[in-house]
Amino acid sequence: MTSYGPIVVELEPGLAPKTVENFLQYVKEGFYKGTIFHRVIEGFMIQGGGLLETMDEKPTRPPIVNEAPESFRGGLKNTRGTIAMARTGSPHSATAQFFINTVDNKALDHRDMSEDGYGYCAFGRVVSGMDVVDKIEKVRTEWRKGQSGVPQYAVRIKDAVLLPPQ
């Protein structure tokens, strides 16, 4: 649940088992409650799940292995509405932060095993609330604490919960 409304994602443990397990562990621990979408780039994606309103980063568990090659081969790409792990320039640096693609982002897909071509692991898709994602994508942003794309008014993640299977 965000301050703009609910977003429901369906995860793909068969394509990215370690990534889904990692994400679900953060959900079950209540880690995402009180974090924000701190990076919003219209025509690209919305990123959150790791920073507080103060722009301070929450402590995380160690990084996970990037499963982008496997999820890509399984057909899960960085297309509009998919959720993927955010990371630094190092392929195996993802911890808790994630992003939701607002357009097809082919440049983020796995191409090869090089650092530049490794890609970003998509591990699920939005099944309800894409209208909420679209609203968040349109918020006014600014530079803050050395980061661009920070919403002028916090877009909060009020909570993230596991829903019963449908």
C-alpha atoms as a PDB file:
ATOM      1  CA  MET A   1       0.000   0.000   0.000  1.00  0.00           C
ATOM      2  CA  THR A   2       1.386   3.370  -1.034  1.00  0.00           C
ATOM      3  CA  SER A   3       0.278   6.888  -0.187  1.00  0.00           C
ATOM      4  CA  TYR A   4      -1.185   6.919  -3.728  1.00  0.00           C
ATOM      5  CA  GLY A   5      -3.084   3.632  -3.367  1.00  0.00           C
ATOM      6  CA  PRO A   6      -2.477  -0.116  -3.549  1.00  0.00           C
ATOM      7  CA  ILE A   7      -0.140  -1.867  -5.980  1.00  0.00           C
ATOM      8  CA  VAL A   8      -0.428  -5.655  -6.205  1.00  0.00           C
ATOM      9  CA  VAL A   9       2.398  -7.664  -7.736  1.00  0.00           C
ATOM     10  CA  GLU A  10       2.512 -11.318  -8.715  1.00  0.00           C
ATOM     11  CA  LEU A  11       5.956 -12.846  -8.282  1.00  0.00           C
ATOM     12  CA  GLU A  12       7.694 -15.505 -10.389  1.00  0.00           C
ATOM     13  CA  PRO A  13       9.603 -17.856  -8.031  1.00  0.00           C
ATOM     14  CA  GLY A  14      10.052 -20.371 -10.848  1.00  0.00           C
ATOM     15  CA  LEU A  15      12.083 -17.858 -12.877  1.00  0.00           C
ATOM     16  CA  ALA A  16      13.921 -16.007 -10.092  1.00  0.00           C
ATOM     17  CA  PRO A  17      13.745 -18.144  -6.913  1.00  0.00           C
ATOM     18  CA  LYS A  18      16.492 -16.425  -4.887  1.00  0.00           C
ATOM     19  CA  THR A  19      15.241 -12.971  -5.833  1.00  0.00           C
ATOM     20  CA  VAL A  20      11.637 -13.769  -4.898  1.00  0.00           C
ATOM     21  CA  GLU A  21      12.761 -15.389  -1.637  1.00  0.00           C
ATOM     22  CA  ASN A  22      14.834 -12.287  -0.786  1.00  0.00           C
ATOM     23  CA  PHE A  23      11.977  -9.893  -1.597  1.00  0.00           C
ATOM     24  CA  LEU A  24       9.446 -11.939   0.385  1.00  0.00           C
ATOM     25  CA  GLN A  25      11.754 -12.057   3.393  1.00  0.00           C
ATOM     26  CA  TYR A  26      11.879  -8.242   3.400  1.00  0.00           C
ATOM     27  CA  VAL A  27       8.066  -8.147   3.052  1.00  0.00           C
ATOM     28  CA  LYS A  28       7.552 -10.603   5.941  1.00  0.00           C
ATOM     29  CA  GLU A  29       9.953  -8.622   8.163  1.00  0.00           C
ATOM     30  CA  GLY A  30       7.991  -5.407   7.544  1.00  0.00           C
ATOM     31  CA  PHE A  31      11.122  -3.833   6.072  1.00  0.00           C
ATOM     32  CA  TYR A  32       9.314  -1.816   3.393  1.00  0.00           C
ATOM     33  CA  LYS A  33       6.870  -0.143   5.808  1.00  0.00           C
ATOM     34  CA  GLY A  34       7.832   3.520   6.034  1.00  0.00           C
ATOM     35  CA  THR A  35      10.161   3.536   3.028  1.00  0.00           C
ATOM     36  CA  ILE A  36       9.523   5.762   0.021  1.00  0.00           C
ATOM     37  CA  PHE A  37       9.699   5.780  -3.748  1.00  0.00           C
ATOM     38  CA  HIS A  38      12.847   7.905  -3.823  1.00  0.00           C
ATOM     39  CA  ARG A  39      13.626   7.843  -7.552  1.00  0.00           C
ATOM     40  CA  VAL A  40      10.929   8.589 -10.099  1.00  0.00           C
ATOM     41  CA  ILE A  41      11.799   9.048 -13.754  1.00  0.00           C
ATOM     42  CA  GLU A  42       8.893   9.654 -16.111  1.00  0.00           C
ATOM     43  CA  GLY A  43       9.065   7.436 -19.172  1.00  0.00           C
ATOM     44  CA  PHE A  44      11.319   4.962 -17.355  1.00  0.00           C
ATOM     45  CA  MET A  45      10.504   3.631 -13.872  1.00  0.00           C
ATOM     46  CA  ILE A  46       9.692   4.282 -10.196  1.00  0.00           C
ATOM     47  CA  GLN A  47      12.187   3.009  -7.612  1.00  0.00           C
ATOM     48  CA  GLY A  48      11.779   2.482  -3.898  1.00  0.00           C
ATOM     49  CA  GLY A  49      12.019   0.169  -0.957  1.00  0.00           C
ATOM     50  CA  GLY A  50      15.251   1.229   0.679  1.00  0.00           C
ATOM     51  CA  LEU A  51      15.194   4.856   1.813  1.00  0.00           C
ATOM     52  CA  LEU A  52      13.281   6.704   4.509  1.00  0.00           C
ATOM     53  CA  GLU A  53      11.703  10.156   4.058  1.00  0.00           C
ATOM     54  CA  THR A  54      14.948  11.632   5.398  1.00  0.00           C
ATOM     55  CA  MET A  55      16.689  10.039   2.373  1.00  0.00           C
ATOM     56  CA  ASP A  56      18.661   7.855   4.763  1.00  0.00           C
ATOM     57  CA  GLU A  57      19.153   4.286   3.584  1.00  0.00           C
ATOM     58  CA  LYS A  58      17.831   1.488   5.772  1.00  0.00           C
ATOM     59  CA  PRO A  59      20.333  -1.237   6.667  1.00  0.00           C
ATOM     60  CA  THR A  60      19.874  -4.380   4.579  1.00  0.00           C
ATOM     61  CA  ARG A  61      21.013  -7.962   4.435  1.00  0.00           C
ATOM     62  CA  PRO A  62      23.931  -8.826   2.117  1.00  0.00           C
ATOM     63  CA  PRO A  63      23.426  -8.545  -1.671  1.00  0.00           C
ATOM     64  CA  ILE A  64      21.939 -11.421  -3.643  1.00  0.00           C
ATOM     65  CA  VAL A  65      22.991 -13.161  -6.842  1.00  0.00           C
ATOM     66  CA  ASN A  66      21.556 -11.508  -9.936  1.00  0.00           C
ATOM     67  CA  GLU A  67      19.185 -13.965 -11.629  1.00  0.00           C
ATOM     68  CA  ALA A  68      18.622 -11.769 -14.710  1.00  0.00           C
ATOM     69  CA  PRO A  69      20.018 -14.396 -17.129  1.00  0.00           C
ATOM     70  CA  GLU A  70      17.587 -17.038 -15.851  1.00  0.00           C
ATOM     71  CA  SER A  71      14.510 -14.810 -15.635  1.00  0.00           C
ATOM     72  CA  PHE A  72      15.244 -13.358 -19.099  1.00  0.00           C
ATOM     73  CA  ARG A  73      15.609 -16.853 -20.608  1.00  0.00           C
ATOM     74  CA  GLY A  74      12.301 -17.737 -18.928  1.00  0.00           C
ATOM     75  CA  GLY A  75      10.620 -14.864 -20.779  1.00  0.00           C
ATOM     76  CA  LEU A  76      10.424 -12.265 -17.999  1.00  0.00           C
ATOM     77  CA  LYS A  77      11.808  -9.019 -19.359  1.00  0.00           C
ATOM     78  CA  ASN A  78      11.898  -5.405 -18.168  1.00  0.00           C
ATOM     79  CA  THR A  79       8.609  -4.487 -19.815  1.00  0.00           C
ATOM     80  CA  ARG A  80       5.937  -2.071 -18.640  1.00  0.00           C
ATOM     81  CA  GLY A  81       4.523  -3.233 -15.322  1.00  0.00           C
ATOM     82  CA  THR A  82       7.281  -5.638 -14.336  1.00  0.00           C
ATOM     83  CA  ILE A  83       9.011  -5.359 -10.972  1.00  0.00           C
ATOM     84  CA  ALA A  84      12.785  -5.765 -10.910  1.00  0.00           C
ATOM     85  CA  MET A  85      15.637  -5.477  -8.433  1.00  0.00           C
ATOM     86  CA  ALA A  86      17.519  -2.188  -8.264  1.00  0.00           C
ATOM     87  CA  ARG A  87      21.284  -2.415  -7.921  1.00  0.00           C
ATOM     88  CA  THR A  88      24.495  -0.453  -8.328  1.00  0.00           C
ATOM     89  CA  GLY A  89      26.745  -0.812 -11.375  1.00  0.00           C
ATOM     90  CA  SER A  90      27.876  -4.148 -10.006  1.00  0.00           C
ATOM     91  CA  PRO A  91      25.588  -6.957 -11.274  1.00  0.00           C
ATOM     92  CA  HIS A  92      25.372  -8.793  -7.943  1.00  0.00           C
ATOM     93  CA  SER A  93      24.672  -5.833  -5.642  1.00  0.00           C
ATOM     94  CA  ALA A  94      20.856  -5.910  -5.227  1.00  0.00           C
ATOM     95  CA  THR A  95      19.555  -5.958  -1.668  1.00  0.00           C
ATOM     96  CA  ALA A  96      16.073  -4.574  -0.891  1.00  0.00           C
ATOM     97  CA  GLN A  97      15.412  -1.804  -3.420  1.00  0.00           C
ATOM     98  CA  PHE A  98      13.189  -2.550  -6.388  1.00  0.00           C
ATOM     99  CA  PHE A  99      11.701  -0.672  -9.305  1.00  0.00           C
ATOM    100  CA  ILE A 100       8.592  -0.940 -11.421  1.00  0.00           C
ATOM    101  CA  ASN A 101       9.063  -0.368 -15.140  1.00  0.00           C
ATOM    102  CA  THR A 102       6.631   2.235 -16.510  1.00  0.00           C
ATOM    103  CA  VAL A 103       7.624   1.512 -20.116  1.00  0.00           C
ATOM    104  CA  ASP A 104       9.382  -1.326 -21.938  1.00  0.00           C
ATOM    105  CA  ASN A 105      13.039  -0.973 -20.911  1.00  0.00           C
ATOM    106  CA  LYS A 106      14.859  -3.342 -23.231  1.00  0.00           C
ATOM    107  CA  ALA A 107      18.203  -1.737 -22.303  1.00  0.00           C
ATOM    108  CA  LEU A 108      17.802  -3.205 -18.786  1.00  0.00           C
ATOM    109  CA  ASP A 109      17.392  -6.791 -20.037  1.00  0.00           C
ATOM    110  CA  HIS A 110      20.147  -9.389 -19.826  1.00  0.00           C
ATOM    111  CA  ARG A 111      22.333  -9.400 -22.958  1.00  0.00           C
ATOM    112  CA  ASP A 112      25.511 -11.191 -21.900  1.00  0.00           C
ATOM    113  CA  MET A 113      27.615 -12.071 -18.840  1.00  0.00           C
ATOM    114  CA  SER A 114      29.671  -8.856 -18.894  1.00  0.00           C
ATOM    115  CA  GLU A 115      29.188  -6.226 -16.190  1.00  0.00           C
ATOM    116  CA  ASP A 116      27.434  -3.921 -18.687  1.00  0.00           C
ATOM    117  CA  GLY A 117      25.318  -6.654 -20.261  1.00  0.00           C
ATOM    118  CA  TYR A 118      24.225  -8.568 -17.165  1.00  0.00           C
ATOM    119  CA  GLY A 119      20.931  -6.737 -16.825  1.00  0.00           C
ATOM    120  CA  TYR A 120      18.408  -6.196 -14.065  1.00  0.00           C
ATOM    121  CA  CYS A 121      16.426  -9.131 -12.728  1.00  0.00           C
ATOM    122  CA  ALA A 122      12.692  -8.832 -13.339  1.00  0.00           C
ATOM    123  CA  PHE A 123      10.935 -11.124 -10.863  1.00  0.00           C
ATOM    124  CA  GLY A 124       7.233 -10.365 -11.218  1.00  0.00           C
ATOM    125  CA  ARG A 125       4.607  -8.028 -12.588  1.00  0.00           C
ATOM    126  CA  VAL A 126       1.945  -5.602 -11.419  1.00  0.00           C
ATOM    127  CA  VAL A 127      -1.454  -7.312 -11.616  1.00  0.00           C
ATOM    128  CA  SER A 128      -3.450  -4.486 -10.017  1.00  0.00           C
ATOM    129  CA  GLY A 129      -2.624  -0.848  -9.413  1.00  0.00           C
ATOM    130  CA  MET A 130      -0.799   0.103 -12.583  1.00  0.00           C
ATOM    131  CA  ASP A 131      -2.915   3.281 -12.468  1.00  0.00           C
ATOM    132  CA  VAL A 132      -1.243   4.010  -9.105  1.00  0.00           C
ATOM    133  CA  VAL A 133       2.196   3.429 -10.653  1.00  0.00           C
ATOM    134  CA  ASP A 134       1.263   5.823 -13.471  1.00  0.00           C
ATOM    135  CA  LYS A 135       0.207   8.497 -10.932  1.00  0.00           C
ATOM    136  CA  ILE A 136       3.476   8.118  -9.044  1.00  0.00           C
ATOM    137  CA  GLU A 137       5.418   8.395 -12.297  1.00  0.00           C
ATOM    138  CA  LYS A 138       3.887  11.853 -12.873  1.00  0.00           C
ATOM    139  CA  VAL A 139       4.813  13.455  -9.511  1.00  0.00           C
ATOM    140  CA  ARG A 140       7.039  16.520  -9.457  1.00  0.00           C
ATOM    141  CA  THR A 141      10.633  15.666  -8.660  1.00  0.00           C
ATOM    142  CA  GLU A 142      13.758  17.528  -7.625  1.00  0.00           C
ATOM    143  CA  TRP A 143      17.416  17.069  -6.741  1.00  0.00           C
ATOM    144  CA  ARG A 144      17.885  16.209  -3.075  1.00  0.00           C
ATOM    145  CA  LYS A 145      20.928  14.964  -1.173  1.00  0.00           C
ATOM    146  CA  GLY A 146      22.819  14.440  -4.427  1.00  0.00           C
ATOM    147  CA  GLN A 147      20.058  12.415  -6.091  1.00  0.00           C
ATOM    148  CA  SER A 148      17.846  13.340  -9.014  1.00  0.00           C
ATOM    149  CA  GLY A 149      14.249  12.256  -9.487  1.00  0.00           C
ATOM    150  CA  VAL A 150      13.303  12.589  -5.812  1.00  0.00           C
ATOM    151  CA  PRO A 151       9.586  13.366  -5.424  1.00  0.00           C
ATOM    152  CA  GLN A 152       9.022  16.847  -3.955  1.00  0.00           C
ATOM    153  CA  TYR A 153       6.436  15.329  -1.618  1.00  0.00           C
ATOM    154  CA  ALA A 154       7.167  11.870  -0.246  1.00  0.00           C
ATOM    155  CA  VAL A 155       5.526   8.930  -1.983  1.00  0.00           C
ATOM    156  CA  ARG A 156       5.313   6.536   0.944  1.00  0.00           C
ATOM    157  CA  ILE A 157       5.186   2.791   1.031  1.00  0.00           C
ATOM    158  CA  LYS A 158       2.760   2.468   3.932  1.00  0.00           C
ATOM    159  CA  ASP A 159       3.130  -1.304   4.076  1.00  0.00           C
ATOM    160  CA  ALA A 160       3.909  -4.364   1.972  1.00  0.00           C
ATOM    161  CA  VAL A 161       2.060  -7.552   2.831  1.00  0.00           C
ATOM    162  CA  LEU A 162       1.810 -11.057   1.460  1.00  0.00           C
ATOM    163  CA  LEU A 163      -1.654 -11.757   0.042  1.00  0.00           C
ATOM    164  CA  PRO A 164      -3.202 -15.220   0.142  1.00  0.00           C
ATOM    165  CA  PRO A 165      -2.952 -17.164  -3.154  1.00  0.00           C
ATOM    166  CA  GLN A 166      -5.861 -16.489  -5.505  1.00  0.00           C
END
